[in-house]
Amino acid sequence: MKLQQIQNKIKSFSEATAKVAEWKTSGKKVVFTNGCFDLLHRGHVTYLAKAADEGDVLVLGLNDDASVRRLKGAGRPIQDEDARALVMASLDVIDMVVLFEDDTPLELIKLLMPDILVKGGDYVIDNIVGANEVISNGGKVVTIPIVEGYSTTSIEKKLRT
């Protein structure tokens, strides 16, 4: 039963669109963030918890395997998209996970049009994909400071040594 509840948080584009519309109709503030989340670590958990605090529901756009390879290189992802989606959906702070295949989540952001778009503090708002669309629709863009010393790349390097 719990596993089914977790799996039910993983949605297709059309299912996500319908659910976000339902949330917005009920007055909920929808927060969106995205990433690869290849190896879940403290930095991710802190970031996601703070992102969730920005609104009522948190939607995670998750890069599919092909887009992770294009962005991170041939040795990635470490975990396949189904495993990453399930792990991310198991987190209480995440209300929905949507896999996307493009290098950026722009089309997904345009489709869902969240109230709040969140990225890590290593991004400048002017360079955040979807920021213009969200702001022009009356939403806002928030950056959250990264937790220094925690990254999938650093974990991966430790495993190789």
N, C-alpha and C. Protein backbone atom coordinates (compact mmCIF):
# COMPACT_ATOMS: atom_id res chain seq x y z
N MET A 1 0.82 -1.20 0.00
CA MET A 1 0.00 0.00 0.00
C MET A 1 0.87 1.27 0.00
N LYS A 2 1.90 1.32 0.85
CA LYS A 2 2.78 2.49 0.89
C LYS A 2 3.54 2.63 -0.43
N LEU A 3 4.00 1.50 -0.98
CA LEU A 3 4.71 1.56 -2.25
C LEU A 3 3.81 2.12 -3.34
N GLN A 4 2.56 1.72 -3.35
CA GLN A 4 1.61 2.24 -4.35
C GLN A 4 1.41 3.75 -4.18
N GLN A 5 1.37 4.22 -2.94
CA GLN A 5 1.23 5.66 -2.69
C GLN A 5 2.43 6.43 -3.25
N ILE A 6 3.61 5.85 -3.07
CA ILE A 6 4.82 6.47 -3.61
C ILE A 6 4.76 6.48 -5.14
N GLN A 7 4.44 5.33 -5.73
CA GLN A 7 4.38 5.23 -7.19
C GLN A 7 3.33 6.16 -7.78
N ASN A 8 2.26 6.41 -7.06
CA ASN A 8 1.19 7.29 -7.54
C ASN A 8 1.64 8.75 -7.64
N LYS A 9 2.75 9.10 -7.01
CA LYS A 9 3.27 10.46 -7.08
C LYS A 9 4.05 10.70 -8.38
N ILE A 10 4.35 9.64 -9.12
CA ILE A 10 5.09 9.75 -10.38
C ILE A 10 4.05 9.88 -11.50
N LYS A 11 4.09 11.01 -12.20
CA LYS A 11 3.04 11.34 -13.17
C LYS A 11 3.60 11.60 -14.56
N SER A 12 2.78 11.34 -15.56
CA SER A 12 3.08 11.71 -16.95
C SER A 12 2.80 13.21 -17.10
N PHE A 13 3.18 13.77 -18.22
CA PHE A 13 2.91 15.19 -18.48
C PHE A 13 1.42 15.50 -18.36
N SER A 14 0.58 14.67 -18.98
CA SER A 14 -0.86 14.95 -18.96
C SER A 14 -1.45 14.80 -17.56
N GLU A 15 -1.01 13.77 -16.83
CA GLU A 15 -1.48 13.59 -15.45
C GLU A 15 -1.03 14.75 -14.57
N ALA A 16 0.21 15.19 -14.78
CA ALA A 16 0.75 16.31 -14.00
C ALA A 16 -0.03 17.59 -14.28
N THR A 17 -0.35 17.83 -15.53
CA THR A 17 -1.11 19.03 -15.90
C THR A 17 -2.45 19.05 -15.19
N ALA A 18 -3.14 17.93 -15.20
CA ALA A 18 -4.46 17.84 -14.56
C ALA A 18 -4.35 18.04 -13.05
N LYS A 19 -3.35 17.43 -12.42
CA LYS A 19 -3.19 17.53 -10.97
C LYS A 19 -2.81 18.94 -10.55
N VAL A 20 -1.92 19.58 -11.30
CA VAL A 20 -1.53 20.96 -10.98
C VAL A 20 -2.73 21.89 -11.13
N ALA A 21 -3.53 21.69 -12.16
CA ALA A 21 -4.75 22.51 -12.34
C ALA A 21 -5.69 22.33 -11.15
N GLU A 22 -5.81 21.09 -10.68
CA GLU A 22 -6.66 20.79 -9.52
C GLU A 22 -6.13 21.51 -8.28
N TRP A 23 -4.82 21.43 -8.07
CA TRP A 23 -4.22 22.11 -6.91
C TRP A 23 -4.45 23.61 -6.98
N LYS A 24 -4.21 24.20 -8.16
CA LYS A 24 -4.38 25.65 -8.31
C LYS A 24 -5.83 26.07 -8.08
N THR A 25 -6.77 25.27 -8.59
CA THR A 25 -8.19 25.57 -8.40
C THR A 25 -8.56 25.58 -6.92
N SER A 26 -7.90 24.72 -6.15
CA SER A 26 -8.19 24.66 -4.72
C SER A 26 -7.38 25.70 -3.93
N GLY A 27 -6.66 26.58 -4.64
CA GLY A 27 -5.95 27.68 -3.99
C GLY A 27 -4.55 27.36 -3.51
N LYS A 28 -4.01 26.21 -3.90
CA LYS A 28 -2.67 25.84 -3.46
C LYS A 28 -1.61 26.52 -4.32
N LYS A 29 -0.52 26.92 -3.67
CA LYS A 29 0.64 27.49 -4.37
C LYS A 29 1.54 26.35 -4.80
N VAL A 30 1.77 26.26 -6.11
CA VAL A 30 2.56 25.18 -6.69
C VAL A 30 4.01 25.63 -6.87
N VAL A 31 4.92 24.85 -6.28
CA VAL A 31 6.35 25.09 -6.40
C VAL A 31 6.92 24.05 -7.35
N PHE A 32 7.85 24.48 -8.20
CA PHE A 32 8.49 23.57 -9.15
C PHE A 32 10.00 23.70 -9.03
N THR A 33 10.68 22.57 -9.05
CA THR A 33 12.12 22.54 -9.20
C THR A 33 12.47 21.34 -10.06
N ASN A 34 13.73 21.27 -10.45
CA ASN A 34 14.12 20.16 -11.33
C ASN A 34 15.57 19.79 -11.11
N GLY A 35 15.93 18.63 -11.63
CA GLY A 35 17.31 18.18 -11.58
C GLY A 35 17.44 16.72 -11.91
N CYS A 36 18.68 16.22 -11.79
CA CYS A 36 18.99 14.82 -12.09
C CYS A 36 18.81 13.95 -10.85
N PHE A 37 19.22 14.43 -9.70
CA PHE A 37 19.10 13.72 -8.42
C PHE A 37 19.55 12.27 -8.55
N ASP A 38 20.79 12.13 -9.01
CA ASP A 38 21.34 10.81 -9.31
C ASP A 38 21.65 10.02 -8.03
N LEU A 39 22.30 10.65 -7.09
CA LEU A 39 22.53 10.05 -5.77
C LEU A 39 22.00 11.04 -4.74
N LEU A 40 20.96 10.65 -4.06
CA LEU A 40 20.34 11.54 -3.09
C LEU A 40 21.30 11.75 -1.91
N HIS A 41 21.53 13.01 -1.55
CA HIS A 41 22.43 13.33 -0.44
C HIS A 41 21.89 14.49 0.38
N ARG A 42 22.61 14.82 1.44
CA ARG A 42 22.18 15.86 2.38
C ARG A 42 21.87 17.19 1.68
N GLY A 43 22.69 17.58 0.74
CA GLY A 43 22.45 18.82 0.01
C GLY A 43 21.11 18.81 -0.69
N HIS A 44 20.78 17.69 -1.33
CA HIS A 44 19.49 17.56 -2.01
C HIS A 44 18.32 17.67 -1.03
N VAL A 45 18.42 16.93 0.08
CA VAL A 45 17.33 16.90 1.05
C VAL A 45 17.09 18.29 1.63
N THR A 46 18.17 18.99 1.98
CA THR A 46 18.05 20.35 2.51
C THR A 46 17.41 21.27 1.48
N TYR A 47 17.91 21.21 0.27
CA TYR A 47 17.38 22.03 -0.83
C TYR A 47 15.90 21.77 -1.07
N LEU A 48 15.52 20.50 -1.15
CA LEU A 48 14.13 20.15 -1.43
C LEU A 48 13.20 20.56 -0.30
N ALA A 49 13.65 20.41 0.94
CA ALA A 49 12.83 20.83 2.08
C ALA A 49 12.59 22.34 2.03
N LYS A 50 13.63 23.09 1.73
CA LYS A 50 13.49 24.55 1.64
C LYS A 50 12.63 24.95 0.45
N ALA A 51 12.76 24.23 -0.65
CA ALA A 51 11.91 24.50 -1.82
C ALA A 51 10.44 24.26 -1.46
N ALA A 52 10.17 23.16 -0.78
CA ALA A 52 8.79 22.83 -0.38
C ALA A 52 8.20 23.90 0.53
N ASP A 53 9.04 24.52 1.36
CA ASP A 53 8.58 25.58 2.26
C ASP A 53 8.09 26.83 1.52
N GLU A 54 8.43 26.94 0.25
CA GLU A 54 8.05 28.12 -0.53
C GLU A 54 6.58 28.13 -0.94
N GLY A 55 5.90 27.00 -0.85
CA GLY A 55 4.50 26.93 -1.26
C GLY A 55 3.78 25.80 -0.58
N ASP A 56 2.71 25.33 -1.22
CA ASP A 56 1.88 24.27 -0.63
C ASP A 56 2.20 22.88 -1.16
N VAL A 57 2.59 22.79 -2.42
CA VAL A 57 2.93 21.51 -3.04
C VAL A 57 4.20 21.67 -3.87
N LEU A 58 5.02 20.62 -3.87
CA LEU A 58 6.28 20.66 -4.61
C LEU A 58 6.26 19.63 -5.73
N VAL A 59 6.48 20.14 -6.95
CA VAL A 59 6.58 19.29 -8.14
C VAL A 59 8.05 19.24 -8.53
N LEU A 60 8.55 18.01 -8.73
CA LEU A 60 9.93 17.82 -9.15
C LEU A 60 9.96 17.35 -10.60
N GLY A 61 10.60 18.14 -11.45
CA GLY A 61 10.90 17.71 -12.81
C GLY A 61 12.20 16.95 -12.77
N LEU A 62 12.18 15.69 -13.19
CA LEU A 62 13.36 14.82 -13.09
C LEU A 62 13.87 14.47 -14.49
N ASN A 63 15.14 14.78 -14.74
CA ASN A 63 15.74 14.45 -16.03
C ASN A 63 15.70 12.95 -16.27
N ASP A 64 15.29 12.55 -17.48
CA ASP A 64 15.33 11.12 -17.80
C ASP A 64 16.79 10.71 -18.07
N ASP A 65 17.02 9.41 -18.25
CA ASP A 65 18.38 8.90 -18.40
C ASP A 65 19.15 9.53 -19.55
N ALA A 66 18.49 9.68 -20.70
CA ALA A 66 19.17 10.23 -21.87
C ALA A 66 19.61 11.67 -21.63
N SER A 67 18.76 12.47 -21.00
CA SER A 67 19.15 13.86 -20.76
C SER A 67 20.25 13.95 -19.70
N VAL A 68 20.25 13.06 -18.71
CA VAL A 68 21.34 13.04 -17.72
C VAL A 68 22.66 12.73 -18.42
N ARG A 69 22.66 11.76 -19.31
CA ARG A 69 23.89 11.41 -20.06
C ARG A 69 24.39 12.60 -20.85
N ARG A 70 23.47 13.31 -21.51
CA ARG A 70 23.88 14.48 -22.31
C ARG A 70 24.46 15.57 -21.41
N LEU A 71 23.89 15.75 -20.23
CA LEU A 71 24.32 16.82 -19.34
C LEU A 71 25.55 16.46 -18.50
N LYS A 72 25.63 15.22 -18.06
CA LYS A 72 26.65 14.83 -17.08
C LYS A 72 27.75 13.93 -17.64
N GLY A 73 27.53 13.33 -18.81
CA GLY A 73 28.56 12.48 -19.40
C GLY A 73 28.16 11.01 -19.46
N ALA A 74 29.00 10.25 -20.13
CA ALA A 74 28.70 8.84 -20.45
C ALA A 74 28.53 7.95 -19.23
N GLY A 75 29.18 8.24 -18.12
CA GLY A 75 29.08 7.39 -16.94
C GLY A 75 27.87 7.64 -16.08
N ARG A 76 27.03 8.54 -16.49
CA ARG A 76 25.86 8.90 -15.70
C ARG A 76 24.60 8.64 -16.51
N PRO A 77 23.48 8.41 -15.92
CA PRO A 77 23.27 8.42 -14.48
C PRO A 77 23.80 7.15 -13.82
N ILE A 78 24.04 7.25 -12.54
CA ILE A 78 24.46 6.09 -11.76
C ILE A 78 23.25 5.18 -11.52
N GLN A 79 22.12 5.79 -11.24
CA GLN A 79 20.86 5.06 -11.06
C GLN A 79 19.94 5.38 -12.23
N ASP A 80 19.17 4.41 -12.69
CA ASP A 80 18.28 4.66 -13.83
C ASP A 80 17.09 5.55 -13.41
N GLU A 81 16.40 6.05 -14.41
CA GLU A 81 15.32 7.01 -14.15
C GLU A 81 14.20 6.45 -13.29
N ASP A 82 13.87 5.17 -13.46
CA ASP A 82 12.81 4.58 -12.63
C ASP A 82 13.21 4.55 -11.16
N ALA A 83 14.47 4.18 -10.90
CA ALA A 83 14.96 4.15 -9.52
C ALA A 83 15.01 5.55 -8.94
N ARG A 84 15.51 6.51 -9.71
CA ARG A 84 15.59 7.89 -9.22
C ARG A 84 14.21 8.46 -8.95
N ALA A 85 13.25 8.18 -9.84
CA ALA A 85 11.88 8.69 -9.66
C ALA A 85 11.25 8.10 -8.40
N LEU A 86 11.45 6.81 -8.18
CA LEU A 86 10.88 6.17 -7.00
C LEU A 86 11.48 6.72 -5.70
N VAL A 87 12.80 6.87 -5.69
CA VAL A 87 13.46 7.42 -4.50
C VAL A 87 12.96 8.84 -4.23
N MET A 88 12.88 9.66 -5.26
CA MET A 88 12.44 11.04 -5.06
C MET A 88 10.98 11.10 -4.63
N ALA A 89 10.14 10.25 -5.21
CA ALA A 89 8.72 10.23 -4.85
C ALA A 89 8.51 9.75 -3.42
N SER A 90 9.48 9.03 -2.88
CA SER A 90 9.34 8.53 -1.50
C SER A 90 9.53 9.63 -0.46
N LEU A 91 10.07 10.76 -0.88
CA LEU A 91 10.28 11.86 0.06
C LEU A 91 8.97 12.59 0.35
N ASP A 92 8.69 12.80 1.63
CA ASP A 92 7.46 13.47 2.03
C ASP A 92 7.36 14.89 1.49
N VAL A 93 8.49 15.56 1.30
CA VAL A 93 8.46 16.95 0.85
C VAL A 93 8.07 17.08 -0.63
N ILE A 94 8.13 15.98 -1.37
CA ILE A 94 7.79 16.01 -2.79
C ILE A 94 6.39 15.46 -3.00
N ASP A 95 5.57 16.23 -3.70
CA ASP A 95 4.18 15.84 -3.95
C ASP A 95 3.99 15.19 -5.30
N MET A 96 4.91 15.46 -6.24
CA MET A 96 4.80 14.89 -7.57
C MET A 96 6.16 14.86 -8.24
N VAL A 97 6.40 13.80 -9.01
CA VAL A 97 7.62 13.67 -9.81
C VAL A 97 7.19 13.49 -11.26
N VAL A 98 7.82 14.26 -12.15
CA VAL A 98 7.52 14.16 -13.58
C VAL A 98 8.86 14.03 -14.33
N LEU A 99 9.03 12.94 -15.05
CA LEU A 99 10.23 12.76 -15.86
C LEU A 99 10.12 13.61 -17.13
N PHE A 100 11.25 14.22 -17.52
CA PHE A 100 11.26 14.94 -18.80
C PHE A 100 12.51 14.57 -19.58
N GLU A 101 12.41 14.62 -20.91
CA GLU A 101 13.49 14.12 -21.76
C GLU A 101 14.38 15.19 -22.35
N ASP A 102 13.96 16.44 -22.30
CA ASP A 102 14.78 17.51 -22.87
C ASP A 102 15.94 17.85 -21.94
N ASP A 103 16.90 18.61 -22.44
CA ASP A 103 18.02 19.01 -21.60
C ASP A 103 17.59 20.00 -20.53
N THR A 104 16.53 20.75 -20.80
CA THR A 104 15.99 21.69 -19.82
C THR A 104 14.51 21.38 -19.61
N PRO A 105 13.95 21.83 -18.49
CA PRO A 105 12.53 21.59 -18.21
C PRO A 105 11.60 22.67 -18.76
N LEU A 106 12.06 23.46 -19.71
CA LEU A 106 11.27 24.59 -20.18
C LEU A 106 9.86 24.20 -20.62
N GLU A 107 9.74 23.15 -21.43
CA GLU A 107 8.40 22.76 -21.91
C GLU A 107 7.51 22.32 -20.76
N LEU A 108 8.07 21.62 -19.79
CA LEU A 108 7.31 21.19 -18.62
C LEU A 108 6.88 22.39 -17.78
N ILE A 109 7.77 23.35 -17.61
CA ILE A 109 7.43 24.57 -16.87
C ILE A 109 6.31 25.32 -17.57
N LYS A 110 6.41 25.47 -18.88
CA LYS A 110 5.35 26.16 -19.65
C LYS A 110 4.02 25.43 -19.50
N LEU A 111 4.06 24.12 -19.49
CA LEU A 111 2.85 23.31 -19.37
C LEU A 111 2.22 23.45 -17.99
N LEU A 112 3.02 23.36 -16.95
CA LEU A 112 2.50 23.37 -15.58
C LEU A 112 2.33 24.79 -15.02
N MET A 113 3.11 25.72 -15.49
CA MET A 113 3.13 27.10 -15.05
C MET A 113 3.00 27.23 -13.53
N PRO A 114 4.05 26.82 -12.83
CA PRO A 114 4.02 26.88 -11.37
C PRO A 114 3.95 28.32 -10.86
N ASP A 115 3.53 28.46 -9.62
CA ASP A 115 3.49 29.78 -8.99
C ASP A 115 4.89 30.21 -8.58
N ILE A 116 5.71 29.23 -8.21
CA ILE A 116 7.06 29.51 -7.73
C ILE A 116 8.02 28.53 -8.38
N LEU A 117 9.07 29.06 -8.97
CA LEU A 117 10.13 28.26 -9.58
C LEU A 117 11.36 28.37 -8.68
N VAL A 118 11.93 27.23 -8.30
CA VAL A 118 13.07 27.22 -7.38
C VAL A 118 14.28 26.54 -8.02
N LYS A 119 15.45 27.17 -7.83
CA LYS A 119 16.72 26.57 -8.24
C LYS A 119 17.75 26.84 -7.15
N GLY A 120 18.87 26.16 -7.25
CA GLY A 120 19.94 26.32 -6.28
C GLY A 120 20.62 27.67 -6.39
N GLY A 121 21.27 28.06 -5.32
CA GLY A 121 21.93 29.36 -5.24
C GLY A 121 23.12 29.50 -6.17
N ASP A 122 23.51 28.42 -6.84
CA ASP A 122 24.57 28.51 -7.83
C ASP A 122 24.04 29.04 -9.16
N TYR A 123 22.74 29.32 -9.23
CA TYR A 123 22.11 29.90 -10.42
C TYR A 123 21.81 31.38 -10.19
N VAL A 124 21.87 32.15 -11.26
CA VAL A 124 21.45 33.55 -11.24
C VAL A 124 20.07 33.57 -11.90
N ILE A 125 19.13 34.29 -11.30
CA ILE A 125 17.75 34.29 -11.78
C ILE A 125 17.66 34.55 -13.28
N ASP A 126 18.48 35.46 -13.79
CA ASP A 126 18.45 35.77 -15.23
C ASP A 126 18.79 34.57 -16.10
N ASN A 127 19.48 33.57 -15.53
CA ASN A 127 19.89 32.39 -16.30
C ASN A 127 19.07 31.14 -15.99
N ILE A 128 18.04 31.28 -15.19
CA ILE A 128 17.23 30.12 -14.83
C ILE A 128 16.20 29.85 -15.92
N VAL A 129 16.25 28.64 -16.46
CA VAL A 129 15.29 28.25 -17.50
C VAL A 129 13.87 28.32 -16.95
N GLY A 130 12.99 29.01 -17.66
CA GLY A 130 11.60 29.13 -17.26
C GLY A 130 11.30 30.34 -16.39
N ALA A 131 12.34 31.04 -15.93
CA ALA A 131 12.13 32.19 -15.04
C ALA A 131 11.27 33.25 -15.71
N ASN A 132 11.59 33.60 -16.94
CA ASN A 132 10.81 34.64 -17.64
C ASN A 132 9.34 34.26 -17.76
N GLU A 133 9.10 33.00 -18.08
CA GLU A 133 7.72 32.53 -18.26
C GLU A 133 6.95 32.59 -16.94
N VAL A 134 7.57 32.14 -15.86
CA VAL A 134 6.90 32.13 -14.56
C VAL A 134 6.64 33.55 -14.08
N ILE A 135 7.65 34.41 -14.19
CA ILE A 135 7.50 35.81 -13.75
C ILE A 135 6.44 36.53 -14.57
N SER A 136 6.45 36.33 -15.89
CA SER A 136 5.47 37.01 -16.74
C SER A 136 4.05 36.50 -16.50
N ASN A 137 3.92 35.36 -15.84
CA ASN A 137 2.61 34.82 -15.50
C ASN A 137 2.20 35.19 -14.06
N GLY A 138 2.99 36.08 -13.44
CA GLY A 138 2.66 36.53 -12.09
C GLY A 138 3.30 35.72 -10.98
N GLY A 139 4.15 34.75 -11.34
CA GLY A 139 4.81 33.94 -10.33
C GLY A 139 6.13 34.54 -9.90
N LYS A 140 6.85 33.79 -9.10
CA LYS A 140 8.16 34.27 -8.66
C LYS A 140 9.21 33.18 -8.77
N VAL A 141 10.46 33.61 -8.77
CA VAL A 141 11.60 32.71 -8.86
C VAL A 141 12.44 32.89 -7.60
N VAL A 142 12.81 31.77 -7.00
CA VAL A 142 13.56 31.78 -5.75
C VAL A 142 14.82 30.93 -5.92
N THR A 143 15.93 31.43 -5.38
CA THR A 143 17.14 30.61 -5.34
C THR A 143 17.42 30.26 -3.88
N ILE A 144 17.88 29.03 -3.68
CA ILE A 144 18.16 28.52 -2.34
C ILE A 144 19.66 28.20 -2.27
N PRO A 145 20.33 28.70 -1.24
CA PRO A 145 21.77 28.43 -1.13
C PRO A 145 22.07 26.93 -1.12
N ILE A 146 23.15 26.57 -1.80
CA ILE A 146 23.54 25.17 -1.81
C ILE A 146 24.28 24.83 -0.52
N VAL A 147 24.22 23.57 -0.13
CA VAL A 147 24.95 23.09 1.05
C VAL A 147 26.35 22.71 0.58
N GLU A 148 27.33 23.48 1.01
CA GLU A 148 28.71 23.26 0.57
C GLU A 148 29.20 21.87 0.99
N GLY A 149 29.96 21.26 0.10
CA GLY A 149 30.58 19.98 0.41
C GLY A 149 29.75 18.76 0.06
N TYR A 150 28.55 18.99 -0.47
CA TYR A 150 27.70 17.86 -0.84
C TYR A 150 27.31 17.97 -2.30
N SER A 151 27.74 17.00 -3.08
CA SER A 151 27.35 16.92 -4.48
C SER A 151 27.51 15.49 -4.95
N THR A 152 26.73 15.12 -5.94
CA THR A 152 26.84 13.78 -6.51
C THR A 152 28.23 13.57 -7.08
N THR A 153 28.78 14.61 -7.72
CA THR A 153 30.11 14.51 -8.31
C THR A 153 31.16 14.22 -7.25
N SER A 154 31.07 14.90 -6.09
CA SER A 154 32.06 14.65 -5.03
C SER A 154 31.91 13.26 -4.45
N ILE A 155 30.69 12.77 -4.32
CA ILE A 155 30.47 11.40 -3.84
C ILE A 155 31.04 10.39 -4.83
N GLU A 156 30.79 10.64 -6.11
CA GLU A 156 31.27 9.76 -7.15
C GLU A 156 32.81 9.70 -7.14
N LYS A 157 33.46 10.85 -6.93
CA LYS A 157 34.92 10.89 -6.87
C LYS A 157 35.45 10.09 -5.68
N LYS A 158 34.77 10.19 -4.54
CA LYS A 158 35.20 9.43 -3.36
C LYS A 158 35.12 7.93 -3.63
N LEU A 159 34.10 7.49 -4.37
CA LEU A 159 33.94 6.08 -4.66
C LEU A 159 35.05 5.56 -5.57
N ARG A 160 35.59 6.42 -6.38
CA ARG A 160 36.64 6.01 -7.33
C ARG A 160 38.02 5.93 -6.69
N THR A 161 38.20 6.56 -5.53
CA THR A 161 39.52 6.57 -4.91
C THR A 161 39.70 5.48 -3.89
